[in-house]
Structure formats: C-alpha cells, structure tokens
C-alpha atoms as a PDB file:
ATOM      1  CA  MET A   1      -7.602  -4.085  12.700  1.00  0.00           C
ATOM      2  CA  ALA A   2      -6.574  -0.323  13.589  1.00  0.00           C
ATOM      3  CA  ARG A   3     -10.421   0.911  14.328  1.00  0.00           C
ATOM      4  CA  ARG A   4     -10.898  -2.183  16.538  1.00  0.00           C
ATOM      5  CA  CYS A   5      -7.641  -1.194  18.406  1.00  0.00           C
ATOM      6  CA  SER A   6      -9.145   2.589  18.928  1.00  0.00           C
ATOM      7  CA  MET A   7     -12.362   1.258  20.035  1.00  0.00           C
ATOM      8  CA  GLY A   8     -10.626  -0.885  22.378  1.00  0.00           C
ATOM      9  CA  ILE A   9      -8.564   1.985  23.664  1.00  0.00           C
ATOM     10  CA  PHE A  10     -11.456   4.380  24.074  1.00  0.00           C
ATOM     11  CA  ALA A  11     -13.860   1.795  25.977  1.00  0.00           C
ATOM     12  CA  ALA A  12     -10.694   1.238  28.248  1.00  0.00           C
ATOM     13  CA  ALA A  13     -10.714   4.920  28.938  1.00  0.00           C
ATOM     14  CA  VAL A  14     -14.384   5.102  29.688  1.00  0.00           C
ATOM     15  CA  ASP A  15     -14.484   2.271  31.877  1.00  0.00           C
ATOM     16  CA  TYR A  16     -11.508   3.861  33.481  1.00  0.00           C
ATOM     17  CA  PHE A  17     -13.522   7.015  34.055  1.00  0.00           C
ATOM     18  CA  GLN A  18     -16.679   5.702  35.220  1.00  0.00           C
ATOM     19  CA  ARG A  19     -14.455   3.784  37.886  1.00  0.00           C
ATOM     20  CA  GLY A  20     -13.267   7.015  39.439  1.00  0.00           C
ATOM     21  CA  GLY A  21     -16.403   7.964  40.464  1.00  0.00           C
ATOM     22  CA  VAL A  22     -18.504  11.124  40.535  1.00  0.00           C
ATOM     23  CA  CYS A  23     -15.269  13.406  40.972  1.00  0.00           C
ATOM     24  CA  MET A  24     -14.141  12.408  37.929  1.00  0.00           C
ATOM     25  CA  TRP A  25     -16.289  15.105  36.374  1.00  0.00           C
ATOM     26  CA  PRO A  26     -15.332  18.234  37.990  1.00  0.00           C
ATOM     27  CA  LEU A  27     -11.727  16.882  37.118  1.00  0.00           C
ATOM     28  CA  LEU A  28     -13.026  16.789  33.746  1.00  0.00           C
ATOM     29  CA  LEU A  29     -13.884  20.113  33.576  1.00  0.00           C
ATOM     30  CA  CYS A  30     -10.676  21.108  34.993  1.00  0.00           C
ATOM     31  CA  SER A  31      -8.573  19.450  32.411  1.00  0.00           C
ATOM     32  CA  ILE A  32     -10.632  21.261  29.393  1.00  0.00           C
ATOM     33  CA  VAL A  33      -9.960  24.470  30.963  1.00  0.00           C
ATOM     34  CA  VAL A  34      -6.690  23.814  31.343  1.00  0.00           C
ATOM     35  CA  CYS A  35      -6.337  22.688  27.644  1.00  0.00           C
ATOM     36  CA  VAL A  36      -8.760  25.499  26.107  1.00  0.00           C
ATOM     37  CA  VAL A  37      -6.314  28.092  27.883  1.00  0.00           C
ATOM     38  CA  ALA A  38      -3.238  26.473  26.567  1.00  0.00           C
ATOM     39  CA  VAL A  39      -4.311  26.648  23.005  1.00  0.00           C
ATOM     40  CA  GLU A  40      -6.381  29.626  22.936  1.00  0.00           C
ATOM     41  CA  ARG A  41      -3.508  31.942  24.607  1.00  0.00           C
ATOM     42  CA  SER A  42      -0.747  30.493  22.480  1.00  0.00           C
ATOM     43  CA  LEU A  43      -2.692  31.272  19.362  1.00  0.00           C
ATOM     44  CA  TYR A  44      -3.376  34.656  20.460  1.00  0.00           C
ATOM     45  CA  TYR A  45      -0.146  35.100  21.358  1.00  0.00           C
ATOM     46  CA  LYS A  46       1.320  34.138  18.092  1.00  0.00           C
ATOM     47  CA  LYS A  47      -0.824  36.985  17.094  1.00  0.00           C
ATOM     48  CA  THR A  48      -0.459  39.621  19.146  1.00  0.00           C
ATOM     49  CA  PHE A  49       3.382  39.354  19.996  1.00  0.00           C
ATOM     50  CA  SER A  50       5.789  41.315  17.890  1.00  0.00           C
ATOM     51  CA  PRO A  51       8.912  39.640  16.921  1.00  0.00           C
ATOM     52  CA  SER A  52      11.564  39.292  19.789  1.00  0.00           C
ATOM     53  CA  ALA A  53      14.009  41.335  17.555  1.00  0.00           C
ATOM     54  CA  PHE A  54      11.830  44.339  16.955  1.00  0.00           C
ATOM     55  CA  ALA A  55      12.415  45.898  20.558  1.00  0.00           C
ATOM     56  CA  PRO A  56      16.203  45.671  20.601  1.00  0.00           C
ATOM     57  CA  ALA A  57      16.198  47.238  16.949  1.00  0.00           C
ATOM     58  CA  PHE A  58      13.731  49.957  17.649  1.00  0.00           C
ATOM     59  CA  VAL A  59      15.377  51.078  20.784  1.00  0.00           C
ATOM     60  CA  LYS A  60      18.907  51.268  18.848  1.00  0.00           C
ATOM     61  CA  LEU A  61      17.233  53.473  16.355  1.00  0.00           C
ATOM     62  CA  ILE A  62      15.307  55.903  19.025  1.00  0.00           C
ATOM     63  CA  ASN A  63      18.436  56.118  20.836  1.00  0.00           C
ATOM     64  CA  GLU A  64      20.581  57.020  17.919  1.00  0.00           C
ATOM     65  CA  GLY A  65      17.591  59.852  16.761  1.00  0.00           C
ATOM     66  CA  LYS A  66      16.695  57.895  14.019  1.00  0.00           C
ATOM     67  CA  VAL A  67      12.522  58.990  14.848  1.00  0.00           C
ATOM     68  CA  ASP A  68      12.082  57.980  10.844  1.00  0.00           C
ATOM     69  CA  GLU A  69      13.767  54.655  10.580  1.00  0.00           C
ATOM     70  CA  ALA A  70      12.331  53.822  13.701  1.00  0.00           C
ATOM     71  CA  TYR A  71       8.764  54.544  12.359  1.00  0.00           C
ATOM     72  CA  GLU A  72       9.046  52.534   9.332  1.00  0.00           C
ATOM     73  CA  LEU A  73      10.486  49.427  11.444  1.00  0.00           C
ATOM     74  CA  ALA A  74       7.542  49.849  13.334  1.00  0.00           C
ATOM     75  CA  LYS A  75       4.918  49.963  10.710  1.00  0.00           C
ATOM     76  CA  LYS A  76       6.307  47.006   8.919  1.00  0.00           C
ATOM     77  CA  THR A  77       6.441  45.043  11.869  1.00  0.00           C
ATOM     78  CA  ARG A  78       3.205  42.810  13.717  1.00  0.00           C
ATOM     79  CA  GLY A  79       2.362  43.232  17.129  1.00  0.00           C
ATOM     80  CA  LYS A  80       1.021  45.024  19.980  1.00  0.00           C
ATOM     81  CA  THR A  81       4.450  46.234  20.683  1.00  0.00           C
ATOM     82  CA  SER A  82       5.125  47.817  17.246  1.00  0.00           C
ATOM     83  CA  ASP A  83       1.388  49.146  17.087  1.00  0.00           C
ATOM     84  CA  LEU A  84       2.398  51.249  20.470  1.00  0.00           C
ATOM     85  CA  ALA A  85       5.397  52.228  18.686  1.00  0.00           C
ATOM     86  CA  VAL A  86       3.327  53.657  15.754  1.00  0.00           C
ATOM     87  CA  GLN A  87       0.643  55.211  17.753  1.00  0.00           C
ATOM     88  CA  ILE A  88       3.016  57.011  19.980  1.00  0.00           C
ATOM     89  CA  ILE A  89       5.262  58.470  17.549  1.00  0.00           C
ATOM     90  CA  GLU A  90       2.132  59.585  15.124  1.00  0.00           C
ATOM     91  CA  ALA A  91       0.647  61.082  18.263  1.00  0.00           C
ATOM     92  CA  ARG A  92       3.831  62.679  20.011  1.00  0.00           C
ATOM     93  CA  GLU A  93       3.029  65.854  19.327  1.00  0.00           C
ATOM     94  CA  GLN A  94      -0.502  65.705  20.664  1.00  0.00           C
ATOM     95  CA  LEU A  95       0.149  64.051  23.598  1.00  0.00           C
ATOM     96  CA  GLY A  96       3.131  66.266  24.602  1.00  0.00           C
ATOM     97  CA  ARG A  97       4.007  65.805  28.168  1.00  0.00           C
ATOM     98  CA  LYS A  98       1.673  63.480  28.792  1.00  0.00           C
ATOM     99  CA  LEU A  99       3.362  60.747  26.288  1.00  0.00           C
ATOM    100  CA  SER A 100       5.224  59.040  28.802  1.00  0.00           C
ATOM    101  CA  SER A 101       2.065  58.278  31.129  1.00  0.00           C
ATOM    102  CA  THR A 102       0.084  57.555  28.255  1.00  0.00           C
ATOM    103  CA  ALA A 103       2.446  55.058  26.563  1.00  0.00           C
ATOM    104  CA  TYR A 104       3.113  53.156  30.083  1.00  0.00           C
ATOM    105  CA  ALA A 105      -0.798  53.082  30.200  1.00  0.00           C
ATOM    106  CA  MET A 106      -1.093  51.249  27.010  1.00  0.00           C
ATOM    107  CA  VAL A 107       1.533  48.958  28.131  1.00  0.00           C
ATOM    108  CA  ASP A 108      -0.130  47.974  31.425  1.00  0.00           C
ATOM    109  CA  HIS A 109      -3.631  47.427  29.263  1.00  0.00           C
ATOM    110  CA  THR A 110      -1.564  45.065  26.565  1.00  0.00           C
ATOM    111  CA  THR A 111      -0.204  43.385  29.629  1.00  0.00           C
ATOM    112  CA  ALA A 112      -3.413  42.782  30.906  1.00  0.00           C
ATOM    113  CA  GLU A 113      -5.281  41.654  27.942  1.00  0.00           C
ATOM    114  CA  TRP A 114      -2.004  38.742  27.341  1.00  0.00           C
ATOM    115  CA  LYS A 115      -2.889  37.710  31.399  1.00  0.00           C
ATOM    116  CA  GLN A 116      -6.493  37.274  30.313  1.00  0.00           C
ATOM    117  CA  TYR A 117      -7.867  33.852  31.391  1.00  0.00           C
ATOM    118  CA  ILE A 118      -4.753  33.373  33.278  1.00  0.00           C
ATOM    119  CA  SER A 119      -6.328  33.265  36.480  1.00  0.00           C
ATOM    120  CA  ALA A 120      -9.074  30.257  35.314  1.00  0.00           C
ATOM    121  CA  LEU A 121      -5.935  28.351  34.393  1.00  0.00           C
ATOM    122  CA  ASN A 122      -4.613  29.036  37.979  1.00  0.00           C
ATOM    123  CA  LEU A 123      -7.977  28.097  39.731  1.00  0.00           C
ATOM    124  CA  ALA A 124      -7.956  24.635  37.565  1.00  0.00           C
ATOM    125  CA  ILE A 125      -4.297  23.916  38.567  1.00  0.00           C
ATOM    126  CA  GLY A 126      -5.329  24.760  42.309  1.00  0.00           C
ATOM    127  CA  LEU A 127      -8.677  22.491  42.137  1.00  0.00           C
ATOM    128  CA  SER A 128      -7.400  19.416  40.122  1.00  0.00           C
ATOM    129  CA  PRO A 129      -5.080  17.805  43.167  1.00  0.00           C
ATOM    130  CA  MET A 130      -8.413  18.958  45.908  1.00  0.00           C
ATOM    131  CA  LEU A 131     -11.004  17.119  43.893  1.00  0.00           C
ATOM    132  CA  GLY A 132      -8.633  13.919  43.325  1.00  0.00           C
ATOM    133  CA  LEU A 133      -8.014  13.793  46.991  1.00  0.00           C
ATOM    134  CA  LEU A 134     -11.826  14.358  47.607  1.00  0.00           C
ATOM    135  CA  GLY A 135     -12.569  11.471  45.305  1.00  0.00           C
ATOM    136  CA  THR A 136      -9.715   9.395  47.146  1.00  0.00           C
ATOM    137  CA  ILE A 137     -11.194   9.783  50.330  1.00  0.00           C
ATOM    138  CA  THR A 138     -14.736   9.139  49.377  1.00  0.00           C
ATOM    139  CA  GLY A 139     -14.078   6.410  47.131  1.00  0.00           C
ATOM    140  CA  MET A 140     -12.178   4.434  50.153  1.00  0.00           C
ATOM    141  CA  MET A 141     -15.153   5.428  52.577  1.00  0.00           C
ATOM    142  CA  ALA A 142     -17.248   3.625  50.408  1.00  0.00           C
ATOM    143  CA  SER A 143     -14.983   0.883  50.439  1.00  0.00           C
ATOM    144  CA  PHE A 144     -14.593   0.423  53.909  1.00  0.00           C
ATOM    145  CA  ASN A 145     -18.350   0.983  54.304  1.00  0.00           C
ATOM    146  CA  ALA A 146     -18.744  -2.125  52.455  1.00  0.00           C
ATOM    147  CA  LEU A 147     -15.945  -4.004  54.590  1.00  0.00           C
ATOM    148  CA  ASN A 148     -18.522  -6.357  56.426  1.00  0.00           C
ATOM    149  CA  GLU A 149     -19.724  -7.325  53.176  1.00  0.00           C
ATOM    150  CA  ARG A 150     -16.936  -8.193  51.256  1.00  0.00           C
ATOM    151  CA  LEU A 151     -15.015  -9.848  54.658  1.00  0.00           C
ATOM    152  CA  ALA A 152     -15.042 -13.342  52.637  1.00  0.00           C
ATOM    153  CA  ASN A 153     -12.912 -11.839  50.084  1.00  0.00           C
ATOM    154  CA  PRO A 154     -10.379  -9.491  51.341  1.00  0.00           C
ATOM    155  CA  MET A 155      -9.153  -8.783  47.447  1.00  0.00           C
ATOM    156  CA  ALA A 156     -12.415  -6.866  46.899  1.00  0.00           C
ATOM    157  CA  ILE A 157     -11.509  -3.871  49.242  1.00  0.00           C
ATOM    158  CA  THR A 158      -7.913  -3.881  47.684  1.00  0.00           C
ATOM    159  CA  ALA A 159      -9.916  -3.212  44.451  1.00  0.00           C
ATOM    160  CA  GLY A 160     -11.814  -0.731  45.746  1.00  0.00           C
ATOM    161  CA  ILE A 161      -9.100   0.957  47.107  1.00  0.00           C
ATOM    162  CA  GLY A 162      -7.185   1.189  43.894  1.00  0.00           C
ATOM    163  CA  GLU A 163     -10.209   2.278  41.985  1.00  0.00           C
ATOM    164  CA  ALA A 164     -10.284   5.344  44.546  1.00  0.00           C
ATOM    165  CA  LEU A 165      -7.086   6.272  44.088  1.00  0.00           C
ATOM    166  CA  ILE A 166      -7.714   7.025  40.266  1.00  0.00           C
ATOM    167  CA  THR A 167      -9.192  10.230  41.056  1.00  0.00           C
ATOM    168  CA  THR A 168      -5.919  11.124  42.354  1.00  0.00           C
ATOM    169  CA  VAL A 169      -3.534  10.240  39.997  1.00  0.00           C
ATOM    170  CA  PHE A 170      -6.143  12.416  37.321  1.00  0.00           C
ATOM    171  CA  GLY A 171      -5.912  15.275  39.603  1.00  0.00           C
ATOM    172  CA  LEU A 172      -2.610  15.171  39.905  1.00  0.00           C
ATOM    173  CA  CYS A 173      -1.569  14.810  35.939  1.00  0.00           C
ATOM    174  CA  ILE A 174      -4.146  17.681  35.289  1.00  0.00           C
ATOM    175  CA  ALA A 175      -2.359  20.040  37.903  1.00  0.00           C
ATOM    176  CA  ILE A 176       1.107  19.176  36.340  1.00  0.00           C
ATOM    177  CA  PHE A 177       0.509  19.795  32.958  1.00  0.00           C
ATOM    178  CA  GLY A 178      -1.417  22.884  34.124  1.00  0.00           C
ATOM    179  CA  MET A 179       1.560  23.903  35.925  1.00  0.00           C
ATOM    180  CA  CYS A 180       3.684  23.221  33.058  1.00  0.00           C
ATOM    181  CA  VAL A 181       1.241  25.609  30.561  1.00  0.00           C
ATOM    182  CA  HIS A 182       1.182  28.623  33.272  1.00  0.00           C
ATOM    183  CA  ALA A 183       5.088  28.348  33.571  1.00  0.00           C
ATOM    184  CA  TYR A 184       5.506  28.651  29.698  1.00  0.00           C
ATOM    185  CA  LEU A 185       2.249  31.361  28.948  1.00  0.00           C
ATOM    186  CA  THR A 186       3.601  33.310  31.908  1.00  0.00           C
ATOM    187  CA  GLY A 187       7.127  33.318  30.567  1.00  0.00           C
ATOM    188  CA  CYS A 188       6.192  34.380  27.099  1.00  0.00           C
ATOM    189  CA  VAL A 189       3.868  37.248  28.633  1.00  0.00           C
ATOM    190  CA  LYS A 190       7.411  38.662  30.737  1.00  0.00           C
ATOM    191  CA  GLY A 191       8.743  38.365  27.620  1.00  0.00           C
ATOM    192  CA  ALA A 192       6.976  40.353  25.532  1.00  0.00           C
ATOM    193  CA  SER A 193       5.987  42.772  28.229  1.00  0.00           C
ATOM    194  CA  ARG A 194       9.583  43.548  28.719  1.00  0.00           C
ATOM    195  CA  GLY A 195      10.292  44.335  25.039  1.00  0.00           C
ATOM    196  CA  MET A 196       6.969  47.055  25.352  1.00  0.00           C
ATOM    197  CA  GLU A 197       8.360  48.775  28.361  1.00  0.00           C
ATOM    198  CA  GLU A 198      11.826  49.281  26.662  1.00  0.00           C
ATOM    199  CA  VAL A 199      10.053  50.486  23.408  1.00  0.00           C
ATOM    200  CA  ALA A 200       8.049  52.891  25.704  1.00  0.00           C
ATOM    201  CA  GLY A 201      10.900  53.864  27.871  1.00  0.00           C
ATOM    202  CA  ALA A 202      12.844  54.753  25.052  1.00  0.00           C
ATOM    203  CA  MET A 203      10.294  57.099  23.313  1.00  0.00           C
ATOM    204  CA  ALA A 204       9.576  58.779  26.573  1.00  0.00           C
ATOM    205  CA  ASP A 205      12.930  59.541  27.165  1.00  0.00           C
ATOM    206  CA  GLU A 206      13.557  60.516  23.528  1.00  0.00           C
ATOM    207  CA  PHE A 207      10.868  62.612  23.021  1.00  0.00           C
ATOM    208  CA  THR A 208      10.772  64.500  26.431  1.00  0.00           C
ATOM    209  CA  GLN A 209      14.393  65.798  25.560  1.00  0.00           C
ATOM    210  CA  GLU A 210      12.690  66.880  22.332  1.00  0.00           C
ATOM    211  CA  LYS A 211      10.721  69.200  24.543  1.00  0.00           C
END
C-alpha cells in the first residue's frame, strides 16, 4: 500500500513537472545547485570551523601573556582558526615584522575558501524567478495562440493559464529556499571570520609588543 502511494506521488510530480514546459529543466538545475551548495558548504563548515568558544578563550590567554597555554589550546582544537593560531605562534620569530600582514593574509585566504560556491548560489537565486516568469509568459502565449481552437471551451483556456503558472510557483519556491540557505551560510562565514580576525589581531598586538 505504501509503495503504491509513493508511486502515485512520484507519477503526479512527474506529470506536474512536464506540464510546466521546457523552462522546468533549467529550474530543476537551479534547485539542484541550491541543494548541492547547501549540503556541501554545511559539511565543509562543520569540518573547518573552530568551535565558537575557541576565539574568546584564545584571545584572553594571549592578552594575559600566556602564550604557551594559548598554543596548547590551539593545538588541541580543530578547525582553520586554531590552525592559524598554531602556525603563527610557531613561526613568530621567523616572521618578525611580517607577522601581522601574514596573519591577516591567512584570514583573507581562509575566508575566501569559506565563501566559495556562494556566487553559484546567488546566480541560482537570481535566475529562478526570472525563469519561472519566462515559463509563465511562454505558456500563456501558447494558450492565447490556441484561443480560436478552444473558443467553444473557455475552461480550456483557464486550464492552460493555470499550467503556465507552474513555472512561476516553482521558481519562487527555489528562490525563497535559496535565500534562506544563503542567509544561513553567510551568517556562518561572518561569525567564523570574525573569530579568526580576533585571533589574528590578538597575536599581532602581543607579538609586536614583544619586539
């Protein structure tokens, strides 16, 4: 029974998709892009973000002059922010006056990695409603072109317009979901980048004073 029900839902979805016309295919591609970026970036952030508590704890130790304790904390913490801290502390003697610029260059490089594929998400969000509108317009044009043939049946014209609106609905749904994903991902990046900048700034101030 459950299998028959699922097959019925699938068949209805396929029929709904086909009635939307040719513009449903690029809309389907946009929906795939949004889903892939959402899953890939979420998994990548989970692997590369340091815990949110790391930056305040590390900065506090650095400001108190407890460099060795801060170093040990960074070594046992996962993520790009802790990796930055470990690399800068280990190379602080060799870097000298270049320490600050090197630290912030690493921050910029990591932030750029975190923002990767966000532009593809923006493109999908922008294209979806426009493709939906295009599908609706072409569908309505086809309906009105067949007006003479369907004059005896006005309900056929209404049905044709209803089918044409499928692409608009699909496009708007993709855009709304994509905007939610974009807001979540950019919020995550901003928070992680802020923590990394705090870590880099604390080390730059502390190790510059040592000189």
